[in-house]
N, C-alpha and C. Protein backbone atom coordinates (compact mmCIF):
# COMPACT_ATOMS: atom_id res chain seq x y z
N MET A 1 -234.76 179.39 -89.72
CA MET A 1 -233.74 178.12 -89.16
C MET A 1 -235.13 177.34 -88.53
N ASP A 2 -235.76 177.65 -88.21
CA ASP A 2 -236.69 177.00 -87.48
C ASP A 2 -237.74 176.48 -88.84
N ASN A 3 -237.95 176.46 -89.78
CA ASN A 3 -238.20 175.70 -91.21
C ASN A 3 -237.24 174.72 -91.39
N LYS A 4 -236.15 174.98 -91.34
CA LYS A 4 -234.93 174.08 -92.08
C LYS A 4 -235.13 172.62 -91.04
N LEU A 5 -235.33 173.39 -89.61
CA LEU A 5 -235.60 172.57 -88.72
C LEU A 5 -236.79 171.18 -88.68
N ALA A 6 -238.22 171.86 -88.85
CA ALA A 6 -239.92 171.49 -88.92
C ALA A 6 -239.57 170.25 -90.54
N MET A 7 -238.55 170.81 -91.49
CA MET A 7 -238.42 169.76 -92.44
C MET A 7 -237.51 169.05 -92.37
N ILE A 8 -236.51 169.37 -91.55
CA ILE A 8 -235.68 167.86 -91.65
C ILE A 8 -236.21 166.99 -90.35
N TRP A 9 -237.07 167.33 -89.35
CA TRP A 9 -238.36 166.21 -88.71
C TRP A 9 -239.13 165.99 -89.43
N ASP A 10 -239.79 166.62 -90.23
CA ASP A 10 -240.69 166.12 -91.12
C ASP A 10 -240.05 164.49 -91.93
N PHE A 11 -239.08 165.32 -92.83
CA PHE A 11 -238.09 163.92 -93.41
C PHE A 11 -238.09 162.63 -92.75
N LEU A 12 -237.56 162.74 -91.64
CA LEU A 12 -237.12 161.66 -90.86
C LEU A 12 -238.43 161.03 -90.34
N LYS A 13 -239.55 161.59 -89.96
CA LYS A 13 -240.97 161.03 -89.60
C LYS A 13 -241.29 160.59 -90.59
N VAL A 14 -241.73 161.02 -91.64
CA VAL A 14 -242.23 160.96 -92.67
C VAL A 14 -241.31 159.27 -93.58
N ARG A 15 -240.60 159.48 -93.65
CA ARG A 15 -239.55 158.50 -94.39
C ARG A 15 -238.91 157.61 -93.42
N LYS A 16 -238.95 157.69 -92.09
CA LYS A 16 -238.65 156.22 -91.26
C LYS A 16 -237.26 155.94 -91.32
N LYS A 17 -236.52 157.34 -91.09
CA LYS A 17 -234.89 157.02 -91.23
C LYS A 17 -234.43 157.74 -90.33
N TRP A 18 -234.58 156.89 -89.26
CA TRP A 18 -234.38 157.48 -87.65
C TRP A 18 -232.78 157.03 -87.57
N TRP A 19 -232.09 155.90 -88.61
CA TRP A 19 -230.89 156.18 -88.22
C TRP A 19 -230.33 157.45 -88.22
N LEU A 20 -230.55 158.72 -89.02
CA LEU A 20 -229.82 159.47 -89.49
C LEU A 20 -230.05 160.17 -88.35
N THR A 21 -230.82 160.15 -87.47
CA THR A 21 -231.02 161.37 -85.97
C THR A 21 -229.71 161.10 -84.86
N PRO A 22 -228.75 159.91 -85.32
CA PRO A 22 -227.37 159.95 -84.29
C PRO A 22 -226.47 160.53 -85.11
N ILE A 23 -226.34 160.26 -86.67
CA ILE A 23 -225.30 161.29 -87.21
C ILE A 23 -225.93 162.76 -87.35
N ILE A 24 -227.28 163.16 -87.29
CA ILE A 24 -227.69 164.48 -87.31
C ILE A 24 -226.88 165.39 -85.63
N MET A 25 -227.29 164.70 -84.84
CA MET A 25 -226.43 165.15 -83.64
C MET A 25 -225.35 165.20 -83.11
N PHE A 26 -224.30 164.04 -83.76
CA PHE A 26 -223.51 163.99 -83.73
C PHE A 26 -222.68 165.44 -84.41
N ILE A 27 -222.99 165.64 -85.82
CA ILE A 27 -222.81 166.76 -86.38
C ILE A 27 -223.09 167.91 -85.73
N LEU A 28 -223.92 168.29 -85.45
CA LEU A 28 -224.26 169.45 -84.39
C LEU A 28 -223.52 169.80 -83.22
N LEU A 29 -223.30 168.78 -82.21
CA LEU A 29 -222.57 168.84 -81.53
C LEU A 29 -220.78 168.89 -81.65
N LEU A 30 -220.66 168.85 -82.92
CA LEU A 30 -219.19 168.80 -82.76
C LEU A 30 -219.40 170.46 -83.77
N SER A 31 -220.35 170.95 -84.32
CA SER A 31 -220.34 172.63 -84.74
C SER A 31 -220.41 173.15 -83.61
N ALA A 32 -220.93 172.91 -82.72
CA ALA A 32 -221.21 173.41 -81.57
C ALA A 32 -220.25 173.95 -80.94
N LEU A 33 -219.13 172.53 -80.78
CA LEU A 33 -217.83 172.68 -80.25
C LEU A 33 -217.01 173.40 -80.79
N ILE A 34 -216.87 173.54 -82.16
CA ILE A 34 -216.01 174.41 -82.73
C ILE A 34 -216.14 175.98 -82.60
N VAL A 35 -217.49 176.05 -82.39
CA VAL A 35 -218.36 177.77 -81.96
C VAL A 35 -217.73 177.77 -81.38
N ILE A 36 -218.05 177.17 -80.14
CA ILE A 36 -217.77 177.70 -78.55
C ILE A 36 -216.41 177.92 -78.17
N THR A 37 -215.68 177.32 -78.93
CA THR A 37 -213.91 176.99 -78.44
C THR A 37 -213.06 177.70 -79.45
N GLN A 38 -213.87 178.64 -80.45
CA GLN A 38 -212.88 179.51 -81.46
C GLN A 38 -212.30 180.30 -80.90
N GLY A 39 -212.70 181.06 -79.98
CA GLY A 39 -212.13 182.06 -79.08
C GLY A 39 -211.35 182.09 -78.17
N SER A 40 -211.75 180.43 -77.52
CA SER A 40 -210.60 180.08 -76.26
C SER A 40 -209.35 179.79 -76.46
N ALA A 41 -208.87 179.89 -75.23
CA ALA A 41 -207.29 179.40 -75.33
C ALA A 41 -207.26 177.63 -75.26
N ALA A 42 -208.40 177.17 -75.46
CA ALA A 42 -208.45 175.56 -75.44
C ALA A 42 -208.91 175.17 -76.93
N ALA A 43 -208.74 176.05 -77.97
CA ALA A 43 -208.93 176.26 -79.38
C ALA A 43 -208.11 175.37 -80.23
N PRO A 44 -206.79 175.30 -79.79
CA PRO A 44 -205.18 174.62 -80.08
C PRO A 44 -205.75 173.27 -80.04
N PHE A 45 -205.70 172.54 -78.25
CA PHE A 45 -206.36 171.44 -78.42
C PHE A 45 -207.36 171.06 -78.92
N VAL A 46 -208.03 171.40 -79.04
CA VAL A 46 -209.72 171.14 -79.98
C VAL A 46 -209.47 170.76 -81.02
N TYR A 47 -208.75 171.70 -81.99
CA TYR A 47 -208.14 171.46 -83.26
C TYR A 47 -207.18 169.61 -83.83
N THR A 48 -206.12 170.06 -82.27
CA THR A 48 -205.43 168.74 -82.66
C THR A 48 -206.19 167.35 -82.50
N LEU A 49 -207.38 167.56 -82.20
CA LEU A 49 -208.65 166.12 -82.09
C LEU A 49 -208.47 165.83 -83.61
N PHE A 50 -208.80 167.01 -84.42
CA PHE A 50 -209.40 166.44 -86.25
C PHE A 50 -208.30 166.69 -87.19
């Protein structure tokens, strides 16, 4: 996992694709939200947003 993050960081740094950073952060936050609420009582409410 660490190697993949380093590769993504190097790609952004070398290619100057800084506009991808908010997109990547948004995807990571959504993924974390889905994983965290998967087993909780709030899961039906979160899934209705999508």
